[in-house]
């Protein structure tokens, strides 16, 4: 998948809020099995231009990582918003988080946190970054401000009809 991600790909209109709601429903049984609460805060449409299935693949990779580090009783929140000319999706977990130097390296191919307790190949976030860039967007990991954990973010350009819109329009 990583090798196939072209520098840019044909884009379609995608509602990030609907993607988050649908992916939340899909991942809910696994989250429940792991005793992790999965909350979706994405009711207003956030229409972006992205490659077909790009937003779904990004959210799936972020959710897979979040579930692998989230302790029982914690919450993963899926949130969408409009910021300027960008549609933004957040996958917020309450896991152990990462140091700033680790967050900088997390999108490198095959990189895994030195203290990682989960099994993974280390390419999921590299795929996320490539897919976001191919849709003329970007991906980032930030510290959570309110609790311990990570805010996994993807920014994708709003569809032309939504540029300059406010979150309430």
N, C-alpha and C. Protein backbone atom coordinates (compact mmCIF):
# COMPACT_ATOMS: atom_id res chain seq x y z
N UNK A 1 0.83 -1.18 0.00
CA UNK A 1 0.00 0.00 0.00
C UNK A 1 0.87 1.25 0.00
N UNK A 2 1.94 1.24 0.80
CA UNK A 2 2.82 2.39 0.89
C UNK A 2 3.49 2.66 -0.45
N UNK A 3 3.94 1.61 -1.12
CA UNK A 3 4.61 1.78 -2.40
C UNK A 3 3.65 2.28 -3.47
N UNK A 4 2.36 1.92 -3.36
CA UNK A 4 1.38 2.33 -4.36
C UNK A 4 0.93 3.76 -4.18
N UNK A 5 1.10 4.36 -3.02
CA UNK A 5 0.62 5.72 -2.78
C UNK A 5 1.40 6.68 -3.65
N UNK A 6 0.73 7.23 -4.64
CA UNK A 6 1.36 8.18 -5.57
C UNK A 6 1.53 9.52 -4.87
N UNK A 7 2.41 10.39 -5.42
CA UNK A 7 2.56 11.72 -4.82
C UNK A 7 1.22 12.45 -4.72
N UNK A 8 0.36 12.30 -5.72
CA UNK A 8 -1.00 12.82 -5.65
C UNK A 8 -1.91 11.78 -6.28
N UNK A 9 -3.15 11.74 -5.85
CA UNK A 9 -4.10 10.76 -6.37
C UNK A 9 -5.39 11.48 -6.73
N UNK A 10 -6.19 10.86 -7.57
CA UNK A 10 -7.48 11.44 -7.94
C UNK A 10 -8.34 11.57 -6.69
N UNK A 11 -8.87 12.75 -6.49
CA UNK A 11 -9.61 13.03 -5.27
C UNK A 11 -11.12 13.00 -5.51
N UNK A 12 -11.84 12.63 -4.46
CA UNK A 12 -13.30 12.65 -4.45
C UNK A 12 -13.74 13.39 -3.20
N UNK A 13 -15.00 13.84 -3.17
CA UNK A 13 -15.54 14.49 -1.97
C UNK A 13 -15.86 13.42 -0.94
N UNK A 14 -15.43 13.65 0.30
CA UNK A 14 -15.61 12.70 1.39
C UNK A 14 -16.06 13.48 2.63
N UNK A 15 -17.05 12.97 3.33
CA UNK A 15 -17.48 13.57 4.59
C UNK A 15 -16.70 12.92 5.74
N UNK A 16 -15.73 13.67 6.28
CA UNK A 16 -14.91 13.14 7.38
C UNK A 16 -15.76 12.71 8.57
N UNK A 17 -16.81 13.46 8.85
CA UNK A 17 -17.68 13.11 9.99
C UNK A 17 -18.33 11.75 9.76
N UNK A 18 -18.79 11.51 8.55
CA UNK A 18 -19.40 10.21 8.24
C UNK A 18 -18.37 9.09 8.30
N UNK A 19 -17.16 9.37 7.81
CA UNK A 19 -16.09 8.37 7.88
C UNK A 19 -15.82 8.00 9.34
N UNK A 20 -15.71 9.01 10.21
CA UNK A 20 -15.45 8.74 11.62
C UNK A 20 -16.59 7.95 12.26
N UNK A 21 -17.83 8.32 11.93
CA UNK A 21 -18.98 7.59 12.48
C UNK A 21 -18.99 6.15 12.02
N UNK A 22 -18.75 5.93 10.72
CA UNK A 22 -18.77 4.58 10.17
C UNK A 22 -17.62 3.74 10.72
N UNK A 23 -16.42 4.31 10.79
CA UNK A 23 -15.27 3.56 11.32
C UNK A 23 -15.47 3.29 12.81
N UNK A 24 -16.09 4.23 13.51
CA UNK A 24 -16.39 4.00 14.93
C UNK A 24 -17.31 2.81 15.11
N UNK A 25 -18.35 2.70 14.26
CA UNK A 25 -19.26 1.55 14.33
C UNK A 25 -18.51 0.25 14.01
N UNK A 26 -17.63 0.31 13.02
CA UNK A 26 -16.89 -0.89 12.62
C UNK A 26 -15.95 -1.37 13.72
N UNK A 27 -15.26 -0.46 14.38
CA UNK A 27 -14.27 -0.82 15.40
C UNK A 27 -14.87 -1.00 16.79
N UNK A 28 -16.14 -0.63 16.99
CA UNK A 28 -16.76 -0.69 18.32
C UNK A 28 -16.69 -2.08 18.95
N UNK A 29 -16.97 -3.17 18.22
CA UNK A 29 -16.89 -4.48 18.86
C UNK A 29 -15.50 -4.81 19.41
N UNK A 30 -14.44 -4.47 18.67
CA UNK A 30 -13.09 -4.73 19.16
C UNK A 30 -12.77 -3.85 20.37
N UNK A 31 -13.20 -2.58 20.32
CA UNK A 31 -12.98 -1.70 21.46
C UNK A 31 -13.70 -2.25 22.69
N UNK A 32 -14.94 -2.70 22.51
CA UNK A 32 -15.70 -3.26 23.63
C UNK A 32 -15.01 -4.50 24.19
N UNK A 33 -14.51 -5.35 23.30
CA UNK A 33 -13.80 -6.56 23.74
C UNK A 33 -12.58 -6.20 24.58
N UNK A 34 -11.94 -5.09 24.26
CA UNK A 34 -10.75 -4.66 25.00
C UNK A 34 -11.10 -3.72 26.16
N UNK A 35 -12.40 -3.55 26.40
CA UNK A 35 -12.90 -2.72 27.49
C UNK A 35 -12.46 -1.27 27.35
N UNK A 36 -12.45 -0.79 26.10
CA UNK A 36 -12.12 0.60 25.79
C UNK A 36 -13.37 1.27 25.25
N UNK A 37 -13.69 2.45 25.76
CA UNK A 37 -14.84 3.20 25.29
C UNK A 37 -14.46 3.89 23.98
N UNK A 38 -15.33 3.82 22.99
CA UNK A 38 -15.11 4.47 21.71
C UNK A 38 -16.22 5.48 21.51
N UNK A 39 -15.85 6.77 21.45
CA UNK A 39 -16.81 7.87 21.37
C UNK A 39 -16.59 8.61 20.07
N UNK A 40 -17.67 8.93 19.37
CA UNK A 40 -17.59 9.70 18.13
C UNK A 40 -18.22 11.06 18.36
N UNK A 41 -17.45 12.12 18.12
CA UNK A 41 -17.93 13.50 18.21
C UNK A 41 -17.79 14.11 16.82
N UNK A 42 -18.70 13.75 15.94
CA UNK A 42 -18.59 14.16 14.54
C UNK A 42 -19.98 14.23 13.93
N UNK A 43 -20.76 15.24 14.30
CA UNK A 43 -22.13 15.30 13.79
C UNK A 43 -22.28 16.22 12.58
N UNK A 44 -21.55 17.34 12.54
CA UNK A 44 -21.67 18.26 11.42
C UNK A 44 -20.82 17.77 10.25
N UNK A 45 -21.34 17.87 9.02
CA UNK A 45 -20.56 17.44 7.86
C UNK A 45 -19.25 18.22 7.74
N UNK A 46 -18.19 17.51 7.40
CA UNK A 46 -16.88 18.10 7.12
C UNK A 46 -16.45 17.48 5.79
N UNK A 47 -16.77 18.17 4.70
CA UNK A 47 -16.56 17.62 3.36
C UNK A 47 -15.17 18.02 2.85
N UNK A 48 -14.35 17.00 2.59
CA UNK A 48 -12.97 17.21 2.14
C UNK A 48 -12.77 16.56 0.79
N UNK A 49 -11.65 16.91 0.14
CA UNK A 49 -11.21 16.25 -1.09
C UNK A 49 -10.09 15.32 -0.70
N UNK A 50 -10.26 14.04 -1.00
CA UNK A 50 -9.24 13.05 -0.66
C UNK A 50 -9.36 11.88 -1.62
N UNK A 51 -8.31 11.10 -1.70
CA UNK A 51 -8.35 9.88 -2.50
C UNK A 51 -9.43 8.95 -1.98
N UNK A 52 -10.03 8.19 -2.89
CA UNK A 52 -11.05 7.23 -2.49
C UNK A 52 -10.49 6.29 -1.44
N UNK A 53 -11.20 6.12 -0.35
CA UNK A 53 -10.85 5.25 0.77
C UNK A 53 -9.65 5.74 1.59
N UNK A 54 -9.08 6.89 1.24
CA UNK A 54 -7.93 7.41 1.97
C UNK A 54 -8.27 7.71 3.42
N UNK A 55 -9.35 8.45 3.64
CA UNK A 55 -9.72 8.82 5.01
C UNK A 55 -9.99 7.57 5.85
N UNK A 56 -10.65 6.58 5.27
CA UNK A 56 -10.94 5.35 5.99
C UNK A 56 -9.64 4.63 6.38
N UNK A 57 -8.70 4.55 5.45
CA UNK A 57 -7.44 3.87 5.74
C UNK A 57 -6.65 4.59 6.82
N UNK A 58 -6.66 5.92 6.77
CA UNK A 58 -5.95 6.70 7.78
C UNK A 58 -6.57 6.48 9.16
N UNK A 59 -7.89 6.61 9.23
CA UNK A 59 -8.58 6.43 10.51
C UNK A 59 -8.38 5.01 11.03
N UNK A 60 -8.43 4.02 10.14
CA UNK A 60 -8.20 2.63 10.57
C UNK A 60 -6.80 2.45 11.16
N UNK A 61 -5.79 3.02 10.53
CA UNK A 61 -4.43 2.91 11.07
C UNK A 61 -4.32 3.60 12.42
N UNK A 62 -4.89 4.80 12.53
CA UNK A 62 -4.86 5.50 13.81
C UNK A 62 -5.61 4.72 14.89
N UNK A 63 -6.79 4.18 14.55
CA UNK A 63 -7.55 3.41 15.53
C UNK A 63 -6.83 2.14 15.95
N UNK A 64 -6.21 1.47 15.01
CA UNK A 64 -5.46 0.26 15.33
C UNK A 64 -4.36 0.58 16.34
N UNK A 65 -3.63 1.67 16.10
CA UNK A 65 -2.58 2.08 17.04
C UNK A 65 -3.17 2.46 18.40
N UNK A 66 -4.25 3.24 18.37
CA UNK A 66 -4.86 3.70 19.62
C UNK A 66 -5.35 2.52 20.46
N UNK A 67 -5.99 1.55 19.82
CA UNK A 67 -6.49 0.39 20.56
C UNK A 67 -5.35 -0.47 21.10
N UNK A 68 -4.23 -0.49 20.41
CA UNK A 68 -3.11 -1.33 20.87
C UNK A 68 -2.44 -0.76 22.12
N UNK A 69 -2.62 0.54 22.39
CA UNK A 69 -1.97 1.15 23.56
C UNK A 69 -2.95 1.60 24.64
N UNK A 70 -4.23 1.50 24.38
CA UNK A 70 -5.23 2.01 25.33
C UNK A 70 -5.53 0.99 26.41
N UNK A 71 -5.39 1.38 27.67
CA UNK A 71 -5.69 0.44 28.76
C UNK A 71 -7.20 0.26 28.95
N UNK A 72 -7.61 -0.86 29.51
CA UNK A 72 -9.03 -1.06 29.81
C UNK A 72 -9.57 0.10 30.64
N UNK A 73 -10.79 0.50 30.32
CA UNK A 73 -11.43 1.60 31.03
C UNK A 73 -11.14 2.97 30.44
N UNK A 74 -10.23 3.05 29.48
CA UNK A 74 -9.91 4.34 28.87
C UNK A 74 -10.86 4.63 27.71
N UNK A 75 -10.73 5.80 27.12
CA UNK A 75 -11.61 6.23 26.04
C UNK A 75 -10.80 6.66 24.83
N UNK A 76 -11.25 6.26 23.67
CA UNK A 76 -10.74 6.77 22.39
C UNK A 76 -11.86 7.62 21.81
N UNK A 77 -11.52 8.85 21.44
CA UNK A 77 -12.50 9.77 20.89
C UNK A 77 -12.16 10.08 19.44
N UNK A 78 -13.15 9.96 18.57
CA UNK A 78 -13.02 10.34 17.16
C UNK A 78 -13.74 11.67 16.99
N UNK A 79 -13.03 12.67 16.47
CA UNK A 79 -13.60 14.01 16.39
C UNK A 79 -13.27 14.63 15.04
N UNK A 80 -14.21 15.38 14.48
CA UNK A 80 -13.96 16.11 13.24
C UNK A 80 -14.25 17.58 13.46
N UNK A 81 -13.57 18.42 12.65
CA UNK A 81 -13.79 19.85 12.73
C UNK A 81 -13.28 20.51 11.45
N UNK A 82 -13.69 21.75 11.25
CA UNK A 82 -13.18 22.57 10.16
C UNK A 82 -12.28 23.63 10.77
N UNK A 83 -11.06 23.73 10.24
CA UNK A 83 -10.11 24.74 10.68
C UNK A 83 -9.59 25.43 9.42
N UNK A 84 -10.04 26.66 9.19
CA UNK A 84 -9.64 27.37 7.98
C UNK A 84 -10.13 26.62 6.75
N UNK A 85 -9.22 26.32 5.83
CA UNK A 85 -9.55 25.59 4.60
C UNK A 85 -9.31 24.09 4.73
N UNK A 86 -9.27 23.60 5.96
CA UNK A 86 -8.95 22.20 6.21
C UNK A 86 -10.09 21.50 6.95
N UNK A 87 -10.32 20.26 6.56
CA UNK A 87 -11.13 19.36 7.36
C UNK A 87 -10.16 18.55 8.21
N UNK A 88 -10.43 18.48 9.50
CA UNK A 88 -9.48 17.85 10.42
C UNK A 88 -10.18 16.71 11.15
N UNK A 89 -9.52 15.56 11.17
CA UNK A 89 -10.01 14.41 11.95
C UNK A 89 -8.99 14.12 13.04
N UNK A 90 -9.50 13.85 14.24
CA UNK A 90 -8.67 13.52 15.40
C UNK A 90 -9.04 12.13 15.90
N UNK A 91 -8.04 11.35 16.25
CA UNK A 91 -8.23 10.10 16.99
C UNK A 91 -7.45 10.29 18.28
N UNK A 92 -8.18 10.52 19.37
CA UNK A 92 -7.58 10.85 20.66
C UNK A 92 -7.62 9.63 21.57
N UNK A 93 -6.44 9.21 22.03
CA UNK A 93 -6.40 8.06 22.94
C UNK A 93 -5.92 8.49 24.32
N UNK A 94 -6.02 7.57 25.26
CA UNK A 94 -5.56 7.81 26.63
C UNK A 94 -4.47 6.81 26.98
N UNK A 95 -3.65 6.48 26.00
CA UNK A 95 -2.54 5.56 26.20
C UNK A 95 -1.36 6.26 26.84
N UNK A 96 -0.19 5.63 26.78
CA UNK A 96 0.99 6.18 27.45
C UNK A 96 1.58 7.42 26.78
N UNK A 97 1.20 7.70 25.55
CA UNK A 97 1.75 8.85 24.84
C UNK A 97 3.15 8.57 24.33
N UNK A 98 3.76 9.58 23.74
CA UNK A 98 5.11 9.49 23.20
C UNK A 98 5.88 10.75 23.56
N UNK A 99 7.18 10.62 23.75
CA UNK A 99 8.04 11.79 23.94
C UNK A 99 8.08 12.58 22.64
N UNK A 100 8.43 13.85 22.68
CA UNK A 100 8.44 14.67 21.47
C UNK A 100 9.36 14.11 20.40
N UNK A 101 10.54 13.61 20.78
CA UNK A 101 11.45 13.04 19.77
C UNK A 101 10.87 11.77 19.16
N UNK A 102 10.09 11.02 19.94
CA UNK A 102 9.44 9.82 19.42
C UNK A 102 8.32 10.19 18.45
N UNK A 103 7.56 11.24 18.77
CA UNK A 103 6.50 11.69 17.86
C UNK A 103 7.08 12.14 16.53
N UNK A 104 8.26 12.75 16.56
CA UNK A 104 8.91 13.18 15.32
C UNK A 104 9.31 12.00 14.45
N UNK A 105 9.69 10.89 15.06
CA UNK A 105 10.13 9.70 14.32
C UNK A 105 9.01 8.74 13.99
N UNK A 106 7.86 8.90 14.60
CA UNK A 106 6.78 7.91 14.50
C UNK A 106 6.31 7.64 13.08
N UNK A 107 6.46 8.59 12.16
CA UNK A 107 6.02 8.41 10.79
C UNK A 107 7.10 7.80 9.91
N UNK A 108 8.29 7.54 10.47
CA UNK A 108 9.37 6.89 9.71
C UNK A 108 9.00 5.42 9.49
N UNK A 109 9.32 4.93 8.31
CA UNK A 109 9.07 3.51 8.01
C UNK A 109 9.79 2.61 9.00
N UNK A 110 9.10 1.62 9.48
CA UNK A 110 9.60 0.56 10.36
C UNK A 110 10.01 1.04 11.76
N UNK A 111 9.73 2.29 12.11
CA UNK A 111 10.08 2.77 13.45
C UNK A 111 9.00 2.34 14.44
N UNK A 112 9.43 1.90 15.60
CA UNK A 112 8.53 1.58 16.71
C UNK A 112 9.11 2.19 17.97
N UNK A 113 8.25 2.61 18.86
CA UNK A 113 8.70 3.17 20.13
C UNK A 113 9.56 2.13 20.85
N UNK A 114 10.67 2.55 21.45
CA UNK A 114 11.56 1.59 22.11
C UNK A 114 10.87 0.77 23.20
N UNK A 115 9.88 1.35 23.85
CA UNK A 115 9.20 0.64 24.94
C UNK A 115 7.85 0.07 24.51
N UNK A 116 7.63 -0.08 23.20
CA UNK A 116 6.36 -0.57 22.69
C UNK A 116 6.08 -1.98 23.22
N UNK A 117 4.86 -2.17 23.69
CA UNK A 117 4.46 -3.48 24.22
C UNK A 117 3.54 -4.21 23.25
N UNK A 118 3.23 -3.59 22.12
CA UNK A 118 2.35 -4.21 21.14
C UNK A 118 3.16 -4.72 19.95
N UNK A 119 2.56 -5.60 19.20
CA UNK A 119 3.21 -6.17 18.02
C UNK A 119 2.76 -5.36 16.81
N UNK A 120 3.71 -4.94 16.01
CA UNK A 120 3.39 -4.19 14.79
C UNK A 120 4.61 -4.10 13.91
N UNK A 121 4.38 -3.75 12.65
CA UNK A 121 5.48 -3.70 11.68
C UNK A 121 6.19 -2.36 11.65
N UNK A 122 5.54 -1.31 12.17
CA UNK A 122 6.14 0.01 12.13
C UNK A 122 5.94 0.73 10.80
N UNK A 123 4.97 0.27 10.00
CA UNK A 123 4.72 0.98 8.74
C UNK A 123 3.35 1.66 8.70
N UNK A 124 2.49 1.42 9.67
CA UNK A 124 1.15 1.99 9.66
C UNK A 124 1.14 3.51 9.58
N UNK A 125 1.96 4.16 10.39
CA UNK A 125 1.99 5.63 10.37
C UNK A 125 2.69 6.16 9.13
N UNK A 126 3.64 5.42 8.59
CA UNK A 126 4.26 5.83 7.32
C UNK A 126 3.22 5.81 6.21
N UNK A 127 2.33 4.82 6.23
CA UNK A 127 1.24 4.76 5.27
C UNK A 127 0.31 5.95 5.46
N UNK A 128 -0.03 6.25 6.70
CA UNK A 128 -0.90 7.39 7.00
C UNK A 128 -0.30 8.67 6.40
N UNK A 129 0.97 8.90 6.66
CA UNK A 129 1.61 10.13 6.17
C UNK A 129 1.58 10.19 4.64
N UNK A 130 1.88 9.09 3.98
CA UNK A 130 1.89 9.05 2.51
C UNK A 130 0.50 9.28 1.95
N UNK A 131 -0.51 8.63 2.54
CA UNK A 131 -1.88 8.79 2.06
C UNK A 131 -2.37 10.23 2.24
N UNK A 132 -2.05 10.82 3.38
CA UNK A 132 -2.45 12.21 3.62
C UNK A 132 -1.78 13.13 2.60
N UNK A 133 -0.49 12.96 2.40
CA UNK A 133 0.25 13.80 1.45
C UNK A 133 -0.27 13.62 0.03
N UNK A 134 -0.62 12.39 -0.35
CA UNK A 134 -1.14 12.12 -1.69
C UNK A 134 -2.48 12.83 -1.92
N UNK A 135 -3.19 13.14 -0.84
CA UNK A 135 -4.45 13.89 -0.93
C UNK A 135 -4.23 15.38 -0.63
N UNK A 136 -2.98 15.81 -0.67
CA UNK A 136 -2.59 17.21 -0.41
C UNK A 136 -2.91 17.65 1.01
N UNK A 137 -2.79 16.70 1.94
CA UNK A 137 -3.00 17.00 3.34
C UNK A 137 -1.78 16.64 4.15
N UNK A 138 -1.94 16.53 5.45
CA UNK A 138 -0.83 16.12 6.31
C UNK A 138 -1.34 15.38 7.53
N UNK A 139 -0.41 14.72 8.18
CA UNK A 139 -0.72 13.92 9.37
C UNK A 139 0.25 14.32 10.48
N UNK A 140 -0.22 14.24 11.71
CA UNK A 140 0.62 14.61 12.84
C UNK A 140 0.17 13.87 14.09
N UNK A 141 1.09 13.78 15.05
CA UNK A 141 0.79 13.26 16.38
C UNK A 141 1.10 14.37 17.37
N UNK A 142 0.14 14.72 18.19
CA UNK A 142 0.34 15.73 19.23
C UNK A 142 0.06 15.11 20.59
N UNK A 143 0.63 15.72 21.62
CA UNK A 143 0.28 15.35 22.98
C UNK A 143 -1.16 15.77 23.25
N UNK A 144 -1.86 15.03 24.07
CA UNK A 144 -3.16 15.47 24.57
C UNK A 144 -2.92 16.54 25.63
N UNK A 145 -3.75 17.52 25.66
CA UNK A 145 -3.61 18.59 26.64
C UNK A 145 -4.33 18.23 27.93
N UNK A 146 -5.50 17.61 27.80
CA UNK A 146 -6.36 17.37 28.95
C UNK A 146 -6.01 16.12 29.75
N UNK A 147 -5.48 15.11 29.08
CA UNK A 147 -5.14 13.84 29.72
C UNK A 147 -3.89 13.28 29.05
N UNK A 148 -3.38 12.21 29.62
CA UNK A 148 -2.26 11.49 29.00
C UNK A 148 -2.73 10.83 27.71
N UNK A 149 -1.89 10.79 26.71
CA UNK A 149 -2.24 10.12 25.46
C UNK A 149 -1.81 10.91 24.25
N UNK A 150 -2.30 10.47 23.10
CA UNK A 150 -1.94 11.05 21.81
C UNK A 150 -3.18 11.56 21.10
N UNK A 151 -3.02 12.68 20.39
CA UNK A 151 -4.01 13.21 19.47
C UNK A 151 -3.45 12.96 18.08
N UNK A 152 -3.94 11.91 17.41
CA UNK A 152 -3.51 11.57 16.06
C UNK A 152 -4.40 12.36 15.09
N UNK A 153 -3.77 13.18 14.26
CA UNK A 153 -4.48 14.17 13.45
C UNK A 153 -4.22 13.95 11.97
N UNK A 154 -5.25 14.12 11.17
CA UNK A 154 -5.07 14.24 9.73
C UNK A 154 -5.83 15.49 9.28
N UNK A 155 -5.14 16.28 8.46
CA UNK A 155 -5.76 17.47 7.86
C UNK A 155 -5.85 17.22 6.36
N UNK A 156 -7.06 17.41 5.83
CA UNK A 156 -7.29 17.25 4.40
C UNK A 156 -7.97 18.50 3.87
N UNK A 157 -7.69 18.89 2.61
CA UNK A 157 -8.29 20.12 2.10
C UNK A 157 -9.80 20.00 1.98
N UNK A 158 -10.49 21.07 2.39
CA UNK A 158 -11.94 21.09 2.24
C UNK A 158 -12.29 21.03 0.76
N UNK A 159 -13.44 20.43 0.46
CA UNK A 159 -13.95 20.47 -0.90
C UNK A 159 -14.21 21.92 -1.26
N UNK A 160 -14.13 22.26 -2.52
CA UNK A 160 -14.27 23.65 -2.96
C UNK A 160 -15.51 24.31 -2.42
N UNK A 161 -16.62 23.58 -2.36
CA UNK A 161 -17.88 24.15 -1.88
C UNK A 161 -17.83 24.50 -0.39
N UNK A 162 -16.86 23.96 0.35
CA UNK A 162 -16.78 24.19 1.80
C UNK A 162 -15.70 25.19 2.18
N UNK A 163 -14.85 25.59 1.23
CA UNK A 163 -13.74 26.51 1.57
C UNK A 163 -14.31 27.80 2.13
N UNK A 164 -13.74 28.22 3.23
CA UNK A 164 -14.18 29.46 3.88
C UNK A 164 -15.42 29.30 4.72
N UNK A 165 -15.99 28.10 4.79
CA UNK A 165 -17.18 27.86 5.61
C UNK A 165 -16.79 27.82 7.07
N UNK A 166 -17.73 28.12 7.92
CA UNK A 166 -17.50 28.00 9.35
C UNK A 166 -18.08 26.69 9.83
N UNK A 167 -17.63 26.20 10.99
CA UNK A 167 -18.13 24.91 11.47
C UNK A 167 -19.64 24.86 11.58
N UNK A 168 -20.30 25.98 11.79
CA UNK A 168 -21.76 25.94 11.97
C UNK A 168 -22.50 26.13 10.66
N UNK A 169 -21.81 26.37 9.54
CA UNK A 169 -22.54 26.57 8.28
C UNK A 169 -22.71 25.29 7.52
